[in-house]
Each structure stands twice: as C-alpha cells, then as structure tokens.
C-alpha cells in the first residue's frame, strides 16, 4: 500500500486488496490528510469498479458502506475515514469499487480537487484464475528492442502479473539473457490489456537468430509464449512466423 497525494489532498492507502469468504465482513479505514494551509471540507463518493460479470448487478453502496460521507479537515490535519465491507453470500470471484475523495468547492472556485482510489475484494474459495498471452510482438524503439504484449484475463479476479523474458540462441541451444517483468497495473477479469516495455539495447545482441520465451506469472499460475526473431546487422528486428 502507498499514499496518493495530489494538490493539497493525501489519501492512504492508494490501493486496497481484501480477501474473505462469502458471508464475511471487513472493517477498514482511510487516512485523508489536508496539506493545504487552510481548512477544507471533503465529500466521499462510492462508484462501481471493474467486477466479475456475475456481480455487476450488486449495489456497491450496500456492500461498501462508509461511517460518514462528509468530513471537515483543519489545515495540515488528518482524519480517519472508516468503512465496512460485506461480502455477500452470492458473490463469486471478485467485486471492486472506486472511492472518490473530493474537496468541496468554495464560491467562485473554478477547479475541483478529487482523488479516486480503488478497492478490490476477492471472494476466497470461488476464484477462477485463468489468463493467457493473447498476442506478442517485438519492435525496434530507437536503439532498444521492446515488446508489446496483450494479456487476456479470462478468470473472475483481477491480476497483477510479473515474470521474466529468457533470450536464447537459435533453436534454444543456449540461454544468453534474462530480463525481469515487474509487477504493474492490473488486468481486470474478462478483459484484455496491452503492455509495452523496453527489453534491452539492440547492441546487446549480435546479428543472428534468437528465441524469446515470455514467462508471465500471477496468483500462483504461470503462462508462457515463445517468439522467434532475427536481428539484422543494422539492429533491425524480423519476426519469424
């Protein structure tokens, strides 16, 4: 967890992950700090997030309830904003919501300051973890070789993947390089998301044929996909179908 700070308002935590069985409950709180040099009033608003389709008709204001929705915060002070979560018996997979903390506008003020943070709830015992690498490509980006990967989440919970890319010589005779894939933004259930990142400098490899093996992990599952490519004398990438 980490704080979200923007233009005089700070919210901690910035991301909340909760896990519990059907019928269980959870109590939590946010710390909202006023970093202005003046007193402010804030409003808390709850909206639907990216939930598993079986839960999309659930009323977010019934399973996620705040103790209050209006707060006065003196200059430089922090208030605690308590809430409760009720994991309904019929919930499957995951539900999520976004909580908006907005500074109430003063008369004549043109700009409204608001911070939106997500809360994810996983219903333990009902998870279906199912994701694949839908498509994969390598391309030249300046002096670097980068990848574009589309991850498809077919499951009922959101995932934050990590992993690594192993580079081999032709026909995987020798492994010559490993590049880490760092955990990043989530891929929501029943959705696809594209990820692009630098792999290495084109100068790191000599002219020749190679194999890149992508190993992507999330929630205890690993999927792999290979891509064969050729690096020309000029450092150009040619994908072998």
Protein backbone atom coordinates (compact mmCIF):
# COMPACT_ATOMS: atom_id res chain seq x y z
CA UNK A 1 0.00 0.00 0.00
CA UNK A 2 1.09 3.56 -0.62
CA UNK A 3 -0.36 7.05 -0.38
CA UNK A 4 -1.96 9.06 -3.17
CA UNK A 5 -1.08 12.76 -2.90
CA UNK A 6 -2.43 15.45 -5.19
CA UNK A 7 -2.64 19.22 -4.89
CA UNK A 8 -3.28 19.53 -1.17
CA UNK A 9 -5.04 16.21 -0.54
CA UNK A 10 -3.44 12.92 0.53
CA UNK A 11 -5.18 9.52 0.74
CA UNK A 12 -3.66 6.42 2.32
CA UNK A 13 -3.80 3.62 1.21
CA UNK A 14 -3.97 4.26 -2.54
CA UNK A 15 -4.89 0.64 -3.32
CA UNK A 16 -6.80 -1.73 -1.03
CA UNK A 17 -6.99 -5.52 -1.50
CA UNK A 18 -9.37 -7.54 0.67
CA UNK A 19 -10.00 -11.29 0.68
CA UNK A 20 -12.73 -13.11 2.54
CA UNK A 21 -15.24 -15.95 2.36
CA UNK A 22 -18.87 -15.45 1.26
CA UNK A 23 -20.91 -14.00 4.10
CA UNK A 24 -17.90 -12.50 5.89
CA UNK A 25 -17.20 -8.86 6.66
CA UNK A 26 -14.27 -6.48 6.88
CA UNK A 27 -13.68 -3.14 8.58
CA UNK A 28 -11.07 -0.70 7.35
CA UNK A 29 -10.24 2.99 7.20
CA UNK A 30 -8.57 5.60 5.06
CA UNK A 31 -6.29 8.33 6.33
CA UNK A 32 -7.10 11.56 4.49
CA UNK A 33 -4.74 14.48 5.05
CA UNK A 34 -5.31 18.15 4.27
CA UNK A 35 -1.94 19.55 3.14
CA UNK A 36 -3.41 22.97 2.36
CA UNK A 37 -2.74 25.93 4.64
CA UNK A 38 -6.49 26.38 5.03
CA UNK A 39 -9.38 24.29 6.38
CA UNK A 40 -11.36 22.19 3.90
CA UNK A 41 -14.48 20.06 3.67
CA UNK A 42 -14.43 16.81 1.71
CA UNK A 43 -17.11 14.54 0.28
CA UNK A 44 -16.74 10.76 -0.05
CA UNK A 45 -18.45 9.11 -3.02
CA UNK A 46 -18.51 5.41 -3.95
CA UNK A 47 -18.85 4.16 -7.55
CA UNK A 48 -18.69 0.74 -9.21
CA UNK A 49 -15.33 -0.66 -10.25
CA UNK A 50 -14.30 -3.50 -12.55
CA UNK A 51 -16.09 -6.52 -11.07
CA UNK A 52 -16.70 -10.06 -12.28
CA UNK A 53 -19.77 -10.05 -14.53
CA UNK A 54 -21.77 -12.27 -12.15
CA UNK A 55 -21.52 -9.49 -9.53
CA UNK A 56 -22.12 -6.47 -11.73
CA UNK A 57 -25.72 -6.00 -10.62
CA UNK A 58 -24.67 -5.77 -6.96
CA UNK A 59 -25.36 -2.38 -5.35
CA UNK A 60 -21.94 -1.04 -4.39
CA UNK A 61 -23.50 1.21 -1.74
CA UNK A 62 -24.82 -1.85 0.09
CA UNK A 63 -21.67 -3.99 0.21
CA UNK A 64 -19.34 -1.00 0.81
CA UNK A 65 -20.59 1.44 3.45
CA UNK A 66 -18.80 4.45 4.98
CA UNK A 67 -19.45 5.69 8.50
CA UNK A 68 -19.81 9.24 7.14
CA UNK A 69 -19.64 10.82 3.70
CA UNK A 70 -18.78 14.38 4.75
CA UNK A 71 -15.69 15.45 6.71
CA UNK A 72 -14.18 18.71 7.92
CA UNK A 73 -10.36 18.68 7.94
CA UNK A 74 -8.40 21.56 9.51
CA UNK A 75 -5.29 22.80 7.72
CA UNK A 76 -2.42 20.30 7.97
CA UNK A 77 -4.55 17.74 9.83
CA UNK A 78 -5.51 14.13 9.05
CA UNK A 79 -8.86 12.44 9.59
CA UNK A 80 -9.68 8.73 9.64
CA UNK A 81 -12.48 7.66 7.32
CA UNK A 82 -13.87 4.26 8.48
CA UNK A 83 -15.80 1.87 6.25
CA UNK A 84 -17.18 -1.67 6.27
CA UNK A 85 -17.33 -4.30 3.54
CA UNK A 86 -19.92 -7.07 3.47
CA UNK A 87 -19.08 -9.98 1.17
CA UNK A 88 -22.50 -11.18 0.11
CA UNK A 89 -23.22 -14.92 0.06
CA UNK A 90 -23.92 -14.86 -3.67
CA UNK A 91 -20.68 -13.08 -4.65
CA UNK A 92 -18.28 -15.00 -6.88
CA UNK A 93 -14.72 -14.22 -7.88
CA UNK A 94 -14.29 -10.53 -7.19
CA UNK A 95 -16.02 -7.19 -6.81
CA UNK A 96 -14.42 -3.78 -6.82
CA UNK A 97 -15.25 -0.14 -6.32
CA UNK A 98 -13.69 3.28 -6.63
CA UNK A 99 -13.78 5.74 -3.74
CA UNK A 100 -13.64 9.41 -4.64
CA UNK A 101 -12.46 11.96 -2.07
CA UNK A 102 -13.36 15.44 -3.29
CA UNK A 103 -12.61 18.84 -1.81
CA UNK A 104 -15.85 20.83 -1.66
CA UNK A 105 -15.66 23.87 -3.91
CA UNK A 106 -15.81 27.35 -2.45
CA UNK A 107 -17.94 30.03 -4.07
CA UNK A 108 -16.27 31.28 -7.26
CA UNK A 109 -13.72 28.43 -7.32
CA UNK A 110 -13.18 27.04 -10.83
CA UNK A 111 -11.11 23.91 -10.11
CA UNK A 112 -12.31 20.93 -8.06
CA UNK A 113 -9.69 18.67 -6.45
CA UNK A 114 -10.57 14.97 -6.26
CA UNK A 115 -8.66 11.74 -5.63
CA UNK A 116 -10.05 8.37 -6.73
CA UNK A 117 -8.66 5.13 -5.25
CA UNK A 118 -9.67 1.51 -5.93
CA UNK A 119 -10.71 -1.22 -3.53
CA UNK A 120 -10.64 -4.87 -4.66
CA UNK A 121 -12.47 -7.70 -2.89
CA UNK A 122 -11.63 -11.34 -3.67
CA UNK A 123 -14.19 -13.94 -2.61
CA UNK A 124 -12.00 -16.78 -1.33
CA UNK A 125 -12.95 -20.28 -2.42
CA UNK A 126 -14.63 -19.04 -5.61
CA UNK A 127 -11.58 -17.84 -7.57
CA UNK A 128 -11.02 -18.89 -11.16
CA UNK A 129 -7.50 -17.86 -12.20
CA UNK A 130 -7.33 -18.09 -15.98
CA UNK A 131 -5.21 -15.83 -18.18
CA UNK A 132 -3.27 -16.15 -21.45
CA UNK A 133 -0.84 -14.14 -23.55
CA UNK A 134 -3.21 -13.21 -26.36
CA UNK A 135 -0.57 -11.67 -28.65
CA UNK A 136 3.11 -10.86 -28.55
CA UNK A 137 5.42 -8.75 -30.69
CA UNK A 138 8.94 -7.31 -30.63
CA UNK A 139 9.88 -3.99 -32.21
CA UNK A 140 12.72 -1.50 -32.51
CA UNK A 141 12.39 1.59 -30.31
CA UNK A 142 15.34 3.87 -31.00
CA UNK A 143 18.45 1.92 -30.01
CA UNK A 144 16.39 -0.54 -27.95
CA UNK A 145 14.40 -3.70 -28.51
CA UNK A 146 10.96 -3.54 -26.87
CA UNK A 147 7.96 -5.82 -26.62
CA UNK A 148 4.23 -5.37 -26.94
CA UNK A 149 2.16 -7.98 -25.14
CA UNK A 150 -1.60 -8.28 -24.86
CA UNK A 151 -2.70 -10.19 -21.77
CA UNK A 152 -6.21 -11.63 -21.68
CA UNK A 153 -7.74 -12.33 -18.27
CA UNK A 154 -10.43 -14.98 -18.70
CA UNK A 155 -10.83 -15.50 -14.96
CA UNK A 156 -13.07 -13.91 -12.34
CA UNK A 157 -10.43 -11.99 -10.34
CA UNK A 158 -8.11 -9.16 -11.39
CA UNK A 159 -4.43 -10.00 -11.77
CA UNK A 160 -1.17 -8.07 -11.44
CA UNK A 161 1.37 -10.05 -13.40
CA UNK A 162 5.14 -10.27 -13.20
CA UNK A 163 7.65 -12.68 -14.70
CA UNK A 164 10.67 -12.74 -16.95
CA UNK A 165 11.82 -13.00 -20.57
CA UNK A 166 14.51 -15.53 -21.43
CA UNK A 167 16.55 -14.95 -24.59
CA UNK A 168 18.05 -18.00 -26.30
CA UNK A 169 20.15 -18.57 -29.40
CA UNK A 170 18.61 -20.31 -32.41
CA UNK A 171 16.54 -23.40 -31.52
CA UNK A 172 17.04 -22.62 -27.81
CA UNK A 173 20.53 -24.12 -27.78
CA UNK A 174 21.90 -21.62 -25.26
CA UNK A 175 20.32 -19.11 -22.89
CA UNK A 176 22.14 -15.79 -23.15
CA UNK A 177 19.97 -13.25 -21.33
CA UNK A 178 17.13 -12.93 -18.80
CA UNK A 179 15.04 -9.77 -18.35
CA UNK A 180 12.58 -9.31 -15.48
CA UNK A 181 8.98 -8.23 -15.96
CA UNK A 182 7.99 -6.10 -12.99
CA UNK A 183 4.51 -6.14 -11.45
CA UNK A 184 2.43 -3.31 -12.85
CA UNK A 185 -1.20 -2.18 -13.33
CA UNK A 186 -3.96 -4.80 -13.11
CA UNK A 187 -5.64 -6.69 -15.91
CA UNK A 188 -9.30 -6.84 -14.93
CA UNK A 189 -11.35 -10.03 -15.11
CA UNK A 190 -12.86 -10.80 -18.51
CA UNK A 191 -10.77 -8.06 -20.16
CA UNK A 192 -7.61 -7.62 -22.21
CA UNK A 193 -4.78 -5.17 -21.55
CA UNK A 194 -1.75 -4.18 -23.60
CA UNK A 195 1.69 -3.83 -22.04
CA UNK A 196 4.77 -2.35 -23.72
CA UNK A 197 8.25 -2.21 -22.22
CA UNK A 198 11.91 -1.98 -23.18
CA UNK A 199 13.71 -5.32 -23.16
CA UNK A 200 17.34 -4.50 -23.91
CA UNK A 201 19.65 -2.46 -26.12
CA UNK A 202 19.92 -3.67 -29.71
CA UNK A 203 23.69 -3.50 -29.22
CA UNK A 204 23.49 -6.28 -26.60
CA UNK A 205 22.95 -8.95 -29.26
CA UNK A 206 24.94 -9.83 -32.36
CA UNK A 207 23.42 -10.41 -35.77
CA UNK A 208 21.63 -13.76 -35.76
CA UNK A 209 18.52 -15.77 -34.95
CA UNK A 210 17.05 -15.93 -31.44
CA UNK A 211 14.11 -17.15 -29.38
CA UNK A 212 12.42 -15.03 -26.68
CA UNK A 213 10.47 -17.03 -24.10
CA UNK A 214 7.98 -14.96 -22.09
CA UNK A 215 7.04 -16.41 -18.69
CA UNK A 216 4.20 -14.49 -17.07
CA UNK A 217 3.06 -15.22 -13.51
CA UNK A 218 0.11 -14.13 -11.36
CA UNK A 219 -1.65 -15.62 -8.34
CA UNK A 220 0.38 -18.84 -8.45
CA UNK A 221 -0.16 -19.54 -12.15
CA UNK A 222 2.39 -19.23 -14.96
CA UNK A 223 1.81 -18.99 -18.71
CA UNK A 224 4.48 -18.98 -21.41
CA UNK A 225 4.75 -17.90 -25.03
CA UNK A 226 7.70 -18.00 -27.42
CA UNK A 227 8.59 -15.69 -30.26
CA UNK A 228 11.33 -16.38 -32.83
CA UNK A 229 13.14 -13.38 -34.24
CA UNK A 230 16.13 -12.40 -36.33
CA UNK A 231 18.41 -9.46 -35.61
CA UNK A 232 19.95 -7.91 -38.71
CA UNK A 233 23.38 -6.32 -38.98
CA UNK A 234 21.70 -2.90 -38.64
CA UNK A 235 19.89 -3.99 -35.49
CA UNK A 236 16.51 -4.40 -37.17
CA UNK A 237 14.02 -6.94 -35.79
CA UNK A 238 12.48 -9.52 -38.12
CA UNK A 239 9.81 -11.74 -36.57
CA UNK A 240 9.83 -15.35 -37.75
CA UNK A 241 6.33 -16.75 -38.15
